Protein backbone atom coordinates (compact mmCIF):
# COMPACT_ATOMS: atom_id res chain seq x y z
CA MET A 1 -12.83 230.60 -43.61
CA GLU A 2 -9.56 228.93 -44.58
CA LEU A 3 -9.80 225.16 -44.86
CA ALA A 4 -6.71 224.61 -42.71
CA ARG A 5 -8.36 226.51 -39.88
CA ILE A 6 -11.51 224.40 -40.19
CA VAL A 7 -9.44 221.22 -40.06
CA ALA A 8 -7.65 222.35 -36.89
CA LEU A 9 -10.86 223.34 -35.12
CA LEU A 10 -12.66 220.10 -36.02
CA GLU A 11 -9.81 217.80 -35.04
CA PRO A 12 -11.04 217.08 -31.47
CA PHE A 13 -14.44 216.05 -32.82
CA LEU A 14 -13.03 213.72 -35.48
CA ARG A 15 -10.25 212.18 -33.41
CA GLY A 16 -12.17 209.03 -32.51
CA THR A 17 -15.50 207.53 -31.53
CA ALA A 18 -16.80 204.68 -29.44
CA TYR A 19 -16.13 202.52 -32.50
CA GLY A 20 -12.41 203.17 -32.69
CA ASP A 21 -9.72 205.81 -32.39
CA THR A 22 -8.60 205.99 -36.01
CA PRO A 23 -8.38 209.66 -36.99
CA VAL A 24 -10.73 210.80 -39.72
CA GLU A 25 -9.84 213.26 -42.46
CA LEU A 26 -12.64 215.08 -44.22
CA SER A 27 -12.44 215.31 -48.00
CA GLN A 28 -11.69 218.56 -49.81
CA GLN A 29 -15.29 218.61 -50.98
CA GLN A 30 -16.60 218.25 -47.44
CA LEU A 31 -14.30 220.99 -46.17
CA SER A 32 -15.23 223.29 -49.05
CA SER A 33 -18.91 222.71 -48.33
CA ILE A 34 -18.38 223.60 -44.67
CA SER A 35 -16.52 226.77 -45.68
CA ILE A 36 -19.33 227.83 -48.04
CA TYR A 37 -21.90 227.01 -45.36
CA ILE A 38 -20.09 229.17 -42.79
CA ASP A 39 -19.92 232.11 -45.19
CA VAL A 40 -23.62 232.03 -46.03
CA LEU A 41 -24.53 231.48 -42.37
CA LEU A 42 -22.61 234.58 -41.31
CA LYS A 43 -24.22 236.67 -44.05
CA TRP A 44 -27.75 235.55 -43.22
CA ASN A 45 -27.15 235.76 -39.49
CA ALA A 46 -26.52 239.49 -39.85
CA LYS A 47 -30.12 239.86 -41.06
CA ILE A 48 -32.07 237.18 -39.24
CA ASN A 49 -31.26 235.47 -35.95
CA LEU A 50 -30.14 232.01 -37.03
CA THR A 51 -27.70 231.45 -34.17
CA ALA A 52 -26.59 233.41 -31.13
CA ILE A 53 -23.03 232.30 -31.84
CA ARG A 54 -21.31 234.96 -33.95
CA ASP A 55 -17.65 234.00 -33.77
CA PRO A 56 -16.63 231.90 -36.82
CA ASP A 57 -14.30 229.66 -34.78
CA GLU A 58 -17.06 228.91 -32.29
CA ILE A 59 -19.51 228.25 -35.13
CA VAL A 60 -17.12 225.57 -36.38
CA THR A 61 -16.70 223.90 -33.01
CA ARG A 62 -20.16 224.25 -31.48
CA HIS A 63 -22.21 223.68 -34.62
CA PHE A 64 -20.15 221.70 -37.11
CA GLY A 65 -17.91 219.92 -34.63
CA GLU A 66 -20.68 218.67 -32.36
CA SER A 67 -22.87 217.73 -35.35
CA LEU A 68 -20.07 215.75 -37.01
CA PHE A 69 -19.27 214.11 -33.67
CA ALA A 70 -22.86 212.90 -33.56
CA ALA A 71 -22.73 211.84 -37.21
CA ARG A 72 -19.72 209.59 -36.59
CA HIS A 73 -21.47 207.84 -33.71
CA ILE A 74 -24.76 207.44 -35.56
CA PHE A 75 -23.16 206.37 -38.82
CA PRO A 76 -19.68 204.90 -38.27
CA GLN A 77 -19.94 203.79 -41.90
CA ALA A 78 -20.45 207.00 -43.86
CA SER A 79 -21.71 205.13 -46.93
CA VAL A 80 -24.91 204.06 -45.15
CA LYS A 81 -28.35 204.72 -46.62
CA ALA A 82 -31.05 205.81 -44.16
CA ASP A 83 -33.94 208.20 -43.68
CA VAL A 84 -32.98 210.93 -41.21
CA VAL A 85 -35.42 213.42 -39.71
CA ASP A 86 -33.94 216.45 -37.93
CA ILE A 87 -36.39 218.27 -35.66
CA GLY A 88 -36.03 221.99 -34.98
CA SER A 89 -33.20 222.37 -37.48
CA GLY A 90 -32.79 226.12 -37.03
CA ALA A 91 -29.59 226.98 -38.87
CA GLY A 92 -29.25 223.36 -40.00
CA PHE A 93 -27.59 221.59 -37.10
CA PRO A 94 -27.04 218.74 -36.71
CA GLY A 95 -28.91 217.71 -39.88
CA LEU A 96 -26.82 219.28 -42.63
CA PRO A 97 -23.39 218.28 -41.24
CA ILE A 98 -24.74 214.74 -40.84
CA LYS A 99 -25.69 214.87 -44.52
CA LEU A 100 -22.19 216.08 -45.41
CA TRP A 101 -20.74 213.17 -43.42
CA ALA A 102 -23.12 210.53 -44.84
CA PRO A 103 -24.12 211.80 -48.30
CA ASN A 104 -26.32 208.80 -49.12
CA ILE A 105 -28.87 209.48 -46.41
CA LYS A 106 -32.24 211.06 -47.16
CA LEU A 107 -32.49 214.10 -44.90
CA THR A 108 -35.67 215.92 -43.91
CA MET A 109 -35.28 219.00 -41.72
CA ILE A 110 -38.31 220.14 -39.74
CA GLU A 111 -38.33 223.86 -38.99
CA SER A 112 -41.40 225.89 -38.07
CA ASN A 113 -39.84 229.30 -38.73
CA ALA A 114 -40.39 230.32 -42.37
CA LYS A 115 -37.27 232.50 -42.62
CA LYS A 116 -35.06 229.78 -41.21
CA SER A 117 -36.65 227.30 -43.62
CA THR A 118 -35.77 229.61 -46.50
CA PHE A 119 -32.18 229.73 -45.27
CA LEU A 120 -32.01 225.94 -45.09
CA ARG A 121 -33.26 225.62 -48.66
CA GLU A 122 -30.64 228.12 -49.78
CA VAL A 123 -27.86 226.07 -48.17
CA ILE A 124 -29.19 222.91 -49.83
CA ARG A 125 -29.12 224.73 -53.18
CA LEU A 126 -25.65 226.20 -52.74
CA LEU A 127 -24.15 222.89 -51.66
CA ALA A 128 -26.05 220.98 -54.37
CA LEU A 129 -27.28 218.42 -51.86
CA GLU A 130 -29.50 215.66 -53.20
CA ASN A 131 -32.21 213.97 -51.13
CA ALA A 132 -32.34 216.86 -48.67
CA SER A 133 -35.55 218.78 -48.00
CA VAL A 134 -37.22 221.11 -45.52
CA PHE A 135 -40.63 220.74 -43.92
CA THR A 136 -41.89 224.10 -42.68
CA GLY A 137 -44.07 223.30 -39.71
CA ARG A 138 -44.12 221.56 -36.36
CA ALA A 139 -42.93 218.02 -35.80
CA GLU A 140 -46.45 216.99 -34.77
CA ALA A 141 -47.70 217.86 -38.28
CA PHE A 142 -45.04 215.94 -40.19
CA ARG A 143 -46.27 212.68 -41.71
CA GLY A 144 -43.00 210.93 -42.53
CA PHE A 145 -40.80 208.62 -40.50
CA GLY A 146 -37.07 208.23 -39.99
CA ASP A 147 -34.62 205.44 -39.31
CA VAL A 148 -32.90 208.14 -37.26
CA VAL A 149 -34.51 211.18 -35.63
CA THR A 150 -32.22 213.91 -34.34
CA LEU A 151 -32.91 216.60 -31.79
CA ARG A 152 -30.52 219.26 -30.55
CA ALA A 153 -31.20 221.46 -27.54
CA VAL A 154 -34.55 222.67 -28.82
CA GLU A 155 -36.98 224.81 -26.87
CA ARG A 156 -39.82 222.91 -25.20
CA PHE A 157 -37.60 219.80 -25.08
CA GLU A 158 -39.95 217.73 -22.92
CA THR A 159 -42.87 218.63 -25.21
CA VAL A 160 -41.09 217.95 -28.49
CA LEU A 161 -39.49 214.67 -27.39
CA PRO A 162 -42.69 212.55 -27.61
CA ALA A 163 -43.24 213.86 -31.15
CA ALA A 164 -39.69 212.83 -32.00
CA PHE A 165 -40.32 209.27 -30.83
CA ASN A 166 -43.54 209.18 -32.88
CA LEU A 167 -41.54 209.88 -36.06
CA LEU A 168 -39.23 206.89 -35.58
CA LYS A 169 -39.55 203.79 -37.73
CA PRO A 170 -39.71 200.46 -35.86
CA GLU A 171 -36.39 199.89 -34.11
CA GLY A 172 -35.25 203.35 -35.15
CA THR A 173 -32.60 205.39 -33.36
CA ILE A 174 -33.05 208.72 -31.64
CA SER A 175 -30.05 211.04 -31.37
CA LEU A 176 -30.07 213.78 -28.72
CA LEU A 177 -27.46 216.52 -28.42
CA ILE A 178 -28.45 217.92 -25.05
CA GLY A 179 -27.28 219.21 -21.72
CA GLU A 180 -26.49 216.49 -19.22
CA ASP A 181 -29.32 217.77 -17.03
CA LYS A 182 -31.84 216.67 -19.69
CA THR A 183 -30.82 213.00 -19.48
CA SER A 184 -33.46 211.95 -16.96
CA ALA A 185 -36.25 213.65 -18.89
CA ALA A 186 -35.14 211.92 -22.08
CA LYS A 187 -35.08 208.47 -20.51
CA MET A 188 -38.46 208.95 -18.85
CA ALA A 189 -40.16 209.98 -22.09
CA ARG A 190 -40.34 206.46 -23.53
CA GLN A 191 -39.89 203.18 -21.68
CA SER A 192 -39.24 200.98 -24.73
CA VAL A 193 -35.86 202.49 -25.55
CA GLN A 194 -32.47 200.88 -25.11
CA TRP A 195 -30.14 203.78 -24.30
CA ARG A 196 -26.44 203.72 -24.99
CA THR A 197 -24.01 205.22 -22.54
CA ALA A 198 -24.03 209.00 -22.90
CA VAL A 199 -20.91 210.38 -24.58
CA PRO A 200 -19.52 213.75 -23.42
CA LEU A 201 -19.01 216.22 -26.25
CA PRO A 202 -15.42 217.36 -26.80
CA ASN A 203 -14.55 220.73 -25.26
CA SER A 204 -17.68 220.64 -23.10
CA GLN A 205 -18.32 219.82 -19.46
CA LYS A 206 -22.10 219.76 -19.65
CA ARG A 207 -23.25 218.71 -23.14
CA ILE A 208 -23.62 215.10 -24.20
CA LEU A 209 -24.63 212.89 -27.09
CA LEU A 210 -27.32 210.41 -26.06
CA LEU A 211 -28.40 207.69 -28.49
CA GLY A 212 -31.30 205.31 -27.99
CA THR A 213 -32.88 202.58 -30.07
CA VAL A 214 -36.54 201.69 -29.79
CA ASN A 215 -36.98 198.11 -28.62
CA GLN A 216 -39.87 197.05 -30.83
CA ARG A 217 -40.50 193.85 -28.89
CA SER A 218 -40.78 195.75 -25.63
CA GLN A 219 -42.89 198.41 -27.26
CA SER A 220 -45.31 195.81 -28.66
CA SER A 221 -45.66 194.12 -25.29
CA ASN A 222 -46.66 197.42 -23.73
CA THR A 223 -49.50 198.06 -26.21
């Protein structure tokens, strides 16, 4: 895909965040990486079902746009260093675009499907990403922890959510890209979480970004 087209499609997602309205321009390297990623995604998607979205423009907006929108809210300073765990990565969203936005993070993608895991490793190789890895298995079997744990519209949401909280470091942040109807279930899953105001995703009437930080003091008092 042409870089100019990618820029135009991503503009609503990079226009501003809760931290300010200064427009953001992605670097040529970031845009080139996105273009390569789209090409390999389309090729693999013809053979294995990585995403139900087939239109390249919609892949940019729904996958890359929403993931980068989340990345900007999680890491307003892109130079940050942090451990990020992405659960149910599938075709790599939102984990890999977050890594492209904040290259200094250590990213672990958890994906139980072996073929999808192979795809994720191929993208990591093609984009020459450092400190990015794939754990093939379920979140409940993963033994690491993250400063940030991300979850995006996975199946069995209510079942996976407790496992996501268990992978958070003390005072870690959970990032949920979900339908608005999942908000109550998310907030009921763990009492010791300070939730930020949900942010509607651009070009969507039903999907939101919901961020919460574990209140370690509250959590300790409940144990």
